[in-house]
PDB file of N, CA and C in Angstrom:
ATOM      1  N   MET A   1       0.848  -1.174   0.000  1.00  0.00           N
ATOM      2  CA  MET A   1       0.000   0.000   0.000  1.00  0.00           C
ATOM      3  C   MET A   1       0.897   1.241   0.000  1.00  0.00           C
ATOM      4  N   PRO A   2       0.673   2.210  -0.883  1.00  0.00           N
ATOM      5  CA  PRO A   2       1.508   3.401  -0.931  1.00  0.00           C
ATOM      6  C   PRO A   2       1.339   4.257   0.311  1.00  0.00           C
ATOM      7  N   ASP A   3       2.392   4.977   0.648  1.00  0.00           N
ATOM      8  CA  ASP A   3       2.381   5.895   1.785  1.00  0.00           C
ATOM      9  C   ASP A   3       1.529   7.114   1.422  1.00  0.00           C
ATOM     10  N   ALA A   4       0.517   7.434   2.222  1.00  0.00           N
ATOM     11  CA  ALA A   4      -0.410   8.540   1.923  1.00  0.00           C
ATOM     12  C   ALA A   4       0.060   9.874   2.487  1.00  0.00           C
ATOM     13  N   ARG A   5       1.177   9.872   3.216  1.00  0.00           N
ATOM     14  CA  ARG A   5       1.662  11.132   3.793  1.00  0.00           C
ATOM     15  C   ARG A   5       2.119  12.081   2.698  1.00  0.00           C
ATOM     16  N   PRO A   6       1.911  13.386   2.889  1.00  0.00           N
ATOM     17  CA  PRO A   6       2.417  14.341   1.903  1.00  0.00           C
ATOM     18  C   PRO A   6       3.938  14.321   1.892  1.00  0.00           C
ATOM     19  N   ARG A   7       4.533  14.448   0.738  1.00  0.00           N
ATOM     20  CA  ARG A   7       5.986  14.457   0.614  1.00  0.00           C
ATOM     21  C   ARG A   7       6.451  15.875   0.332  1.00  0.00           C
ATOM     22  N   PRO A   8       7.492  16.325   0.999  1.00  0.00           N
ATOM     23  CA  PRO A   8       7.979  17.677   0.718  1.00  0.00           C
ATOM     24  C   PRO A   8       8.508  17.777  -0.705  1.00  0.00           C
ATOM     25  N   SER A   9       8.256  18.890  -1.326  1.00  0.00           N
ATOM     26  CA  SER A   9       8.695  19.112  -2.696  1.00  0.00           C
ATOM     27  C   SER A   9       9.772  20.185  -2.696  1.00  0.00           C
ATOM     28  N   ARG A  10      11.007  19.753  -2.623  1.00  0.00           N
ATOM     29  CA  ARG A  10      12.136  20.690  -2.638  1.00  0.00           C
ATOM     30  C   ARG A  10      11.984  21.754  -1.558  1.00  0.00           C
ATOM     31  N   PHE A  11      11.415  21.376  -0.416  1.00  0.00           N
ATOM     32  CA  PHE A  11      11.288  22.248   0.751  1.00  0.00           C
ATOM     33  C   PHE A  11      10.357  23.429   0.513  1.00  0.00           C
ATOM     34  N   ARG A  12       9.366  23.255  -0.310  1.00  0.00           N
ATOM     35  CA  ARG A  12       8.397  24.309  -0.609  1.00  0.00           C
ATOM     36  C   ARG A  12       6.987  23.797  -0.347  1.00  0.00           C
ATOM     37  N   LEU A  13       6.096  24.727  -0.039  1.00  0.00           N
ATOM     38  CA  LEU A  13       4.683  24.371   0.051  1.00  0.00           C
ATOM     39  C   LEU A  13       4.150  24.094  -1.345  1.00  0.00           C
ATOM     40  N   PRO A  14       3.130  23.257  -1.457  1.00  0.00           N
ATOM     41  CA  PRO A  14       2.503  23.060  -2.767  1.00  0.00           C
ATOM     42  C   PRO A  14       1.932  24.386  -3.276  1.00  0.00           C
ATOM     43  N   ARG A  15       1.780  24.508  -4.570  1.00  0.00           N
ATOM     44  CA  ARG A  15       1.307  25.771  -5.158  1.00  0.00           C
ATOM     45  C   ARG A  15      -0.107  26.140  -4.741  1.00  0.00           C
ATOM     46  N   ASP A  16      -0.904  25.158  -4.340  1.00  0.00           N
ATOM     47  CA  ASP A  16      -2.277  25.463  -3.934  1.00  0.00           C
ATOM     48  C   ASP A  16      -2.399  25.802  -2.446  1.00  0.00           C
ATOM     49  N   VAL A  17      -1.273  25.900  -1.736  1.00  0.00           N
ATOM     50  CA  VAL A  17      -1.235  26.319  -0.331  1.00  0.00           C
ATOM     51  C   VAL A  17      -0.444  27.623  -0.280  1.00  0.00           C
ATOM     52  N   ARG A  18      -1.137  28.724   0.034  1.00  0.00           N
ATOM     53  CA  ARG A  18      -0.473  30.031  -0.002  1.00  0.00           C
ATOM     54  C   ARG A  18      -0.617  30.759   1.332  1.00  0.00           C
ATOM     55  N   PRO A  19       0.476  30.899   2.095  1.00  0.00           N
ATOM     56  CA  PRO A  19       0.407  31.714   3.306  1.00  0.00           C
ATOM     57  C   PRO A  19       0.122  33.168   2.918  1.00  0.00           C
ATOM     58  N   THR A  20      -0.774  33.807   3.662  1.00  0.00           N
ATOM     59  CA  THR A  20      -1.102  35.204   3.378  1.00  0.00           C
ATOM     60  C   THR A  20      -0.683  36.128   4.510  1.00  0.00           C
ATOM     61  N   GLU A  21      -0.433  35.563   5.694  1.00  0.00           N
ATOM     62  CA  GLU A  21      -0.040  36.399   6.836  1.00  0.00           C
ATOM     63  C   GLU A  21       0.639  35.538   7.896  1.00  0.00           C
ATOM     64  N   TYR A  22       1.686  36.089   8.505  1.00  0.00           N
ATOM     65  CA  TYR A  22       2.357  35.450   9.631  1.00  0.00           C
ATOM     66  C   TYR A  22       2.280  36.401  10.820  1.00  0.00           C
ATOM     67  N   ASP A  23       1.907  35.887  11.987  1.00  0.00           N
ATOM     68  CA  ASP A  23       1.903  36.656  13.228  1.00  0.00           C
ATOM     69  C   ASP A  23       2.791  35.878  14.192  1.00  0.00           C
ATOM     70  N   LEU A  24       3.976  36.397  14.467  1.00  0.00           N
ATOM     71  CA  LEU A  24       4.996  35.673  15.216  1.00  0.00           C
ATOM     72  C   LEU A  24       5.373  36.437  16.475  1.00  0.00           C
ATOM     73  N   HIS A  25       5.350  35.751  17.624  1.00  0.00           N
ATOM     74  CA  HIS A  25       5.761  36.333  18.904  1.00  0.00           C
ATOM     75  C   HIS A  25       6.833  35.423  19.498  1.00  0.00           C
ATOM     76  N   LEU A  26       8.012  35.969  19.766  1.00  0.00           N
ATOM     77  CA  LEU A  26       9.116  35.194  20.333  1.00  0.00           C
ATOM     78  C   LEU A  26       9.564  35.801  21.649  1.00  0.00           C
ATOM     79  N   GLU A  27       9.947  34.937  22.595  1.00  0.00           N
ATOM     80  CA  GLU A  27      10.526  35.353  23.865  1.00  0.00           C
ATOM     81  C   GLU A  27      11.878  34.655  23.989  1.00  0.00           C
ATOM     82  N   PRO A  28      12.954  35.362  23.631  1.00  0.00           N
ATOM     83  CA  PRO A  28      14.272  34.722  23.689  1.00  0.00           C
ATOM     84  C   PRO A  28      14.792  34.618  25.122  1.00  0.00           C
ATOM     85  N   ASP A  29      15.493  33.538  25.405  1.00  0.00           N
ATOM     86  CA  ASP A  29      16.244  33.357  26.643  1.00  0.00           C
ATOM     87  C   ASP A  29      17.702  33.303  26.210  1.00  0.00           C
ATOM     88  N   LEU A  30      18.329  34.463  26.157  1.00  0.00           N
ATOM     89  CA  LEU A  30      19.687  34.558  25.615  1.00  0.00           C
ATOM     90  C   LEU A  30      20.700  33.785  26.447  1.00  0.00           C
ATOM     91  N   ASP A  31      20.518  33.748  27.764  1.00  0.00           N
ATOM     92  CA  ASP A  31      21.458  33.012  28.613  1.00  0.00           C
ATOM     93  C   ASP A  31      21.419  31.511  28.332  1.00  0.00           C
ATOM     94  N   ALA A  32      20.238  30.991  28.079  1.00  0.00           N
ATOM     95  CA  ALA A  32      20.089  29.552  27.827  1.00  0.00           C
ATOM     96  C   ALA A  32      20.247  29.203  26.351  1.00  0.00           C
ATOM     97  N   GLY A  33      20.270  30.216  25.475  1.00  0.00           N
ATOM     98  CA  GLY A  33      20.411  29.960  24.044  1.00  0.00           C
ATOM     99  C   GLY A  33      19.189  29.310  23.426  1.00  0.00           C
ATOM    100  N   ARG A  34      18.007  29.705  23.908  1.00  0.00           N
ATOM    101  CA  ARG A  34      16.774  29.145  23.354  1.00  0.00           C
ATOM    102  C   ARG A  34      15.677  30.205  23.367  1.00  0.00           C
ATOM    103  N   PHE A  35      14.528  29.837  22.840  1.00  0.00           N
ATOM    104  CA  PHE A  35      13.402  30.767  22.815  1.00  0.00           C
ATOM    105  C   PHE A  35      12.100  29.994  22.932  1.00  0.00           C
ATOM    106  N   SER A  36      11.065  30.717  23.288  1.00  0.00           N
ATOM    107  CA  SER A  36       9.710  30.171  23.232  1.00  0.00           C
ATOM    108  C   SER A  36       8.877  31.163  22.442  1.00  0.00           C
ATOM    109  N   GLY A  37       7.750  30.729  21.985  1.00  0.00           N
ATOM    110  CA  GLY A  37       6.943  31.655  21.212  1.00  0.00           C
ATOM    111  C   GLY A  37       5.703  31.023  20.642  1.00  0.00           C
ATOM    112  N   GLU A  38       5.070  31.796  19.804  1.00  0.00           N
ATOM    113  CA  GLU A  38       3.814  31.388  19.182  1.00  0.00           C
ATOM    114  C   GLU A  38       3.774  31.964  17.777  1.00  0.00           C
ATOM    115  N   VAL A  39       3.233  31.198  16.855  1.00  0.00           N
ATOM    116  CA  VAL A  39       3.060  31.689  15.484  1.00  0.00           C
ATOM    117  C   VAL A  39       1.647  31.363  15.021  1.00  0.00           C
ATOM    118  N   ARG A  40       1.052  32.319  14.346  1.00  0.00           N
ATOM    119  CA  ARG A  40      -0.255  32.121  13.706  1.00  0.00           C
ATOM    120  C   ARG A  40      -0.022  32.368  12.225  1.00  0.00           C
ATOM    121  N   ILE A  41      -0.330  31.361  11.418  1.00  0.00           N
ATOM    122  CA  ILE A  41      -0.146  31.459   9.971  1.00  0.00           C
ATOM    123  C   ILE A  41      -1.522  31.430   9.318  1.00  0.00           C
ATOM    124  N   THR A  42      -1.846  32.498   8.609  1.00  0.00           N
ATOM    125  CA  THR A  42      -3.080  32.532   7.836  1.00  0.00           C
ATOM    126  C   THR A  42      -2.728  32.078   6.431  1.00  0.00           C
ATOM    127  N   MET A  43      -3.469  31.107   5.925  1.00  0.00           N
ATOM    128  CA  MET A  43      -3.161  30.611   4.587  1.00  0.00           C
ATOM    129  C   MET A  43      -4.426  30.364   3.790  1.00  0.00           C
ATOM    130  N   ARG A  44      -4.247  30.401   2.504  1.00  0.00           N
ATOM    131  CA  ARG A  44      -5.345  30.112   1.580  1.00  0.00           C
ATOM    132  C   ARG A  44      -5.065  28.762   0.929  1.00  0.00           C
ATOM    133  N   LEU A  45      -6.064  27.891   0.958  1.00  0.00           N
ATOM    134  CA  LEU A  45      -5.969  26.588   0.312  1.00  0.00           C
ATOM    135  C   LEU A  45      -6.915  26.593  -0.875  1.00  0.00           C
ATOM    136  N   ASP A  46      -6.398  26.275  -2.046  1.00  0.00           N
ATOM    137  CA  ASP A  46      -7.233  26.259  -3.245  1.00  0.00           C
ATOM    138  C   ASP A  46      -8.053  24.982  -3.383  1.00  0.00           C
ATOM    139  N   ARG A  47      -7.761  23.992  -2.548  1.00  0.00           N
ATOM    140  CA  ARG A  47      -8.543  22.758  -2.551  1.00  0.00           C
ATOM    141  C   ARG A  47      -8.485  22.167  -1.147  1.00  0.00           C
ATOM    142  N   ALA A  48      -9.417  21.301  -0.847  1.00  0.00           N
ATOM    143  CA  ALA A  48      -9.436  20.652   0.465  1.00  0.00           C
ATOM    144  C   ALA A  48      -8.185  19.791   0.631  1.00  0.00           C
ATOM    145  N   ARG A  49      -7.641  19.785   1.833  1.00  0.00           N
ATOM    146  CA  ARG A  49      -6.442  18.996   2.131  1.00  0.00           C
ATOM    147  C   ARG A  49      -6.621  18.306   3.467  1.00  0.00           C
ATOM    148  N   ALA A  50      -6.105  17.106   3.556  1.00  0.00           N
ATOM    149  CA  ALA A  50      -6.104  16.382   4.824  1.00  0.00           C
ATOM    150  C   ALA A  50      -4.910  16.790   5.675  1.00  0.00           C
ATOM    151  N   ALA A  51      -3.853  17.322   5.035  1.00  0.00           N
ATOM    152  CA  ALA A  51      -2.632  17.676   5.760  1.00  0.00           C
ATOM    153  C   ALA A  51      -1.891  18.789   5.038  1.00  0.00           C
ATOM    154  N   VAL A  52      -1.166  19.576   5.835  1.00  0.00           N
ATOM    155  CA  VAL A  52      -0.247  20.586   5.306  1.00  0.00           C
ATOM    156  C   VAL A  52       1.073  20.353   6.028  1.00  0.00           C
ATOM    157  N   THR A  53       2.149  20.189   5.281  1.00  0.00           N
ATOM    158  CA  THR A  53       3.465  19.944   5.859  1.00  0.00           C
ATOM    159  C   THR A  53       4.184  21.266   6.078  1.00  0.00           C
ATOM    160  N   LEU A  54       4.598  21.511   7.321  1.00  0.00           N
ATOM    161  CA  LEU A  54       5.385  22.693   7.671  1.00  0.00           C
ATOM    162  C   LEU A  54       6.722  22.210   8.209  1.00  0.00           C
ATOM    163  N   HIS A  55       7.766  22.915   7.904  1.00  0.00           N
ATOM    164  CA  HIS A  55       9.098  22.540   8.365  1.00  0.00           C
ATOM    165  C   HIS A  55       9.362  23.170   9.725  1.00  0.00           C
ATOM    166  N   ALA A  56       9.823  22.355  10.677  1.00  0.00           N
ATOM    167  CA  ALA A  56      10.031  22.824  12.038  1.00  0.00           C
ATOM    168  C   ALA A  56      11.186  22.078  12.698  1.00  0.00           C
ATOM    169  N   ALA A  57      12.296  21.962  11.999  1.00  0.00           N
ATOM    170  CA  ALA A  57      13.448  21.240  12.535  1.00  0.00           C
ATOM    171  C   ALA A  57      13.875  21.850  13.864  1.00  0.00           C
ATOM    172  N   ASP A  58      14.130  21.003  14.839  1.00  0.00           N
ATOM    173  CA  ASP A  58      14.628  21.389  16.158  1.00  0.00           C
ATOM    174  C   ASP A  58      13.648  22.230  16.972  1.00  0.00           C
ATOM    175  N   LEU A  59      12.374  22.240  16.602  1.00  0.00           N
ATOM    176  CA  LEU A  59      11.369  22.955  17.380  1.00  0.00           C
ATOM    177  C   LEU A  59      10.514  21.959  18.148  1.00  0.00           C
ATOM    178  N   LYS A  60      10.139  22.325  19.364  1.00  0.00           N
ATOM    179  CA  LYS A  60       9.223  21.513  20.158  1.00  0.00           C
ATOM    180  C   LYS A  60       7.848  22.165  20.039  1.00  0.00           C
ATOM    181  N   ILE A  61       6.921  21.475  19.431  1.00  0.00           N
ATOM    182  CA  ILE A  61       5.575  22.010  19.237  1.00  0.00           C
ATOM    183  C   ILE A  61       4.698  21.482  20.365  1.00  0.00           C
ATOM    184  N   GLU A  62       4.188  22.397  21.191  1.00  0.00           N
ATOM    185  CA  GLU A  62       3.375  22.001  22.335  1.00  0.00           C
ATOM    186  C   GLU A  62       1.891  21.959  22.013  1.00  0.00           C
ATOM    187  N   ARG A  63       1.451  22.753  21.057  1.00  0.00           N
ATOM    188  CA  ARG A  63       0.029  22.792  20.723  1.00  0.00           C
ATOM    189  C   ARG A  63      -0.125  23.214  19.274  1.00  0.00           C
ATOM    190  N   ALA A  64      -1.082  22.607  18.592  1.00  0.00           N
ATOM    191  CA  ALA A  64      -1.421  23.010  17.228  1.00  0.00           C
ATOM    192  C   ALA A  64      -2.936  23.109  17.128  1.00  0.00           C
ATOM    193  N   ALA A  65      -3.389  24.088  16.391  1.00  0.00           N
ATOM    194  CA  ALA A  65      -4.827  24.261  16.180  1.00  0.00           C
ATOM    195  C   ALA A  65      -5.037  24.758  14.765  1.00  0.00           C
ATOM    196  N   ALA A  66      -6.202  24.476  14.235  1.00  0.00           N
ATOM    197  CA  ALA A  66      -6.573  24.981  12.914  1.00  0.00           C
ATOM    198  C   ALA A  66      -7.936  25.647  13.040  1.00  0.00           C
ATOM    199  N   GLU A  67      -8.102  26.713  12.290  1.00  0.00           N
ATOM    200  CA  GLU A  67      -9.380  27.412  12.278  1.00  0.00           C
ATOM    201  C   GLU A  67      -9.892  27.428  10.848  1.00  0.00           C
ATOM    202  N   VAL A  68     -11.102  26.961  10.657  1.00  0.00           N
ATOM    203  CA  VAL A  68     -11.704  26.903   9.327  1.00  0.00           C
ATOM    204  C   VAL A  68     -13.056  27.602   9.401  1.00  0.00           C
ATOM    205  N   GLY A  69     -13.213  28.644   8.611  1.00  0.00           N
ATOM    206  CA  GLY A  69     -14.479  29.371   8.613  1.00  0.00           C
ATOM    207  C   GLY A  69     -14.827  29.964   9.959  1.00  0.00           C
ATOM    208  N   GLY A  70     -13.821  30.399  10.722  1.00  0.00           N
ATOM    209  CA  GLY A  70     -14.053  30.995  12.030  1.00  0.00           C
ATOM    210  C   GLY A  70     -14.285  29.993  13.147  1.00  0.00           C
ATOM    211  N   ARG A  71     -14.130  28.711  12.858  1.00  0.00           N
ATOM    212  CA  ARG A  71     -14.365  27.662  13.847  1.00  0.00           C
ATOM    213  C   ARG A  71     -13.098  26.836  14.030  1.00  0.00           C
ATOM    214  N   GLU A  72     -12.692  26.622  15.293  1.00  0.00           N
ATOM    215  CA  GLU A  72     -11.512  25.795  15.552  1.00  0.00           C
ATOM    216  C   GLU A  72     -11.857  24.329  15.325  1.00  0.00           C
ATOM    217  N   VAL A  73     -10.982  23.662  14.593  1.00  0.00           N
ATOM    218  CA  VAL A  73     -11.166  22.237  14.313  1.00  0.00           C
ATOM    219  C   VAL A  73      -9.952  21.480  14.844  1.00  0.00           C
ATOM    220  N   PRO A  74     -10.103  20.201  15.150  1.00  0.00           N
ATOM    221  CA  PRO A  74      -8.977  19.434  15.679  1.00  0.00           C
ATOM    222  C   PRO A  74      -7.779  19.459  14.719  1.00  0.00           C
ATOM    223  N   ALA A  75      -6.609  19.568  15.290  1.00  0.00           N
ATOM    224  CA  ALA A  75      -5.362  19.524  14.509  1.00  0.00           C
ATOM    225  C   ALA A  75      -4.366  18.675  15.283  1.00  0.00           C
ATOM    226  N   ARG A  76      -3.500  18.021  14.560  1.00  0.00           N
ATOM    227  CA  ARG A  76      -2.453  17.247  15.223  1.00  0.00           C
ATOM    228  C   ARG A  76      -1.152  17.436  14.466  1.00  0.00           C
ATOM    229  N   THR A  77      -0.067  17.189  15.151  1.00  0.00           N
ATOM    230  CA  THR A  77       1.243  17.286  14.522  1.00  0.00           C
ATOM    231  C   THR A  77       1.898  15.913  14.567  1.00  0.00           C
ATOM    232  N   SER A  78       2.793  15.701  13.638  1.00  0.00           N
ATOM    233  CA  SER A  78       3.609  14.495  13.652  1.00  0.00           C
ATOM    234  C   SER A  78       4.968  14.856  13.084  1.00  0.00           C
ATOM    235  N   LEU A  79       5.967  14.208  13.593  1.00  0.00           N
ATOM    236  CA  LEU A  79       7.339  14.457  13.174  1.00  0.00           C
ATOM    237  C   LEU A  79       7.730  13.426  12.129  1.00  0.00           C
ATOM    238  N   GLN A  80       8.251  13.894  11.022  1.00  0.00           N
ATOM    239  CA  GLN A  80       8.728  13.017   9.950  1.00  0.00           C
ATOM    240  C   GLN A  80      10.246  13.199   9.864  1.00  0.00           C
ATOM    241  N   ARG A  81      10.979  12.496  10.691  1.00  0.00           N
ATOM    242  CA  ARG A  81      12.434  12.699  10.781  1.00  0.00           C
ATOM    243  C   ARG A  81      13.142  12.589   9.433  1.00  0.00           C
ATOM    244  N   ALA A  82      12.702  11.691   8.581  1.00  0.00           N
ATOM    245  CA  ALA A  82      13.360  11.515   7.281  1.00  0.00           C
ATOM    246  C   ALA A  82      13.194  12.746   6.395  1.00  0.00           C
ATOM    247  N   ASP A  83      12.135  13.522   6.618  1.00  0.00           N
ATOM    248  CA  ASP A  83      11.855  14.702   5.800  1.00  0.00           C
ATOM    249  C   ASP A  83      12.253  16.001   6.483  1.00  0.00           C
ATOM    250  N   GLU A  84      12.782  15.922   7.701  1.00  0.00           N
ATOM    251  CA  GLU A  84      13.049  17.113   8.502  1.00  0.00           C
ATOM    252  C   GLU A  84      14.067  18.029   7.838  1.00  0.00           C
ATOM    253  N   THR A  85      13.732  19.326   7.839  1.00  0.00           N
ATOM    254  CA  THR A  85      14.661  20.333   7.307  1.00  0.00           C
ATOM    255  C   THR A  85      14.832  21.446   8.304  1.00  0.00           C
TER     256      THR A  85
END
């Protein structure tokens, strides 16, 4: 059975997935050499998708959420080490 997971295409989003706005808040801890923060990405999808692959090498994701039509819907994350960039 073929793998149904989306495959990264040269480290780019598919053409039908277009980010339109990024809202990023970071709190650096310069002494520890790390940071914490939050990002909200507004994107336009030209077709329905079961998944969107985002690159997050070396980041610990504590929570993910998706909003569709003003309503929060369940979202989950998974790490694909072989595809990590």
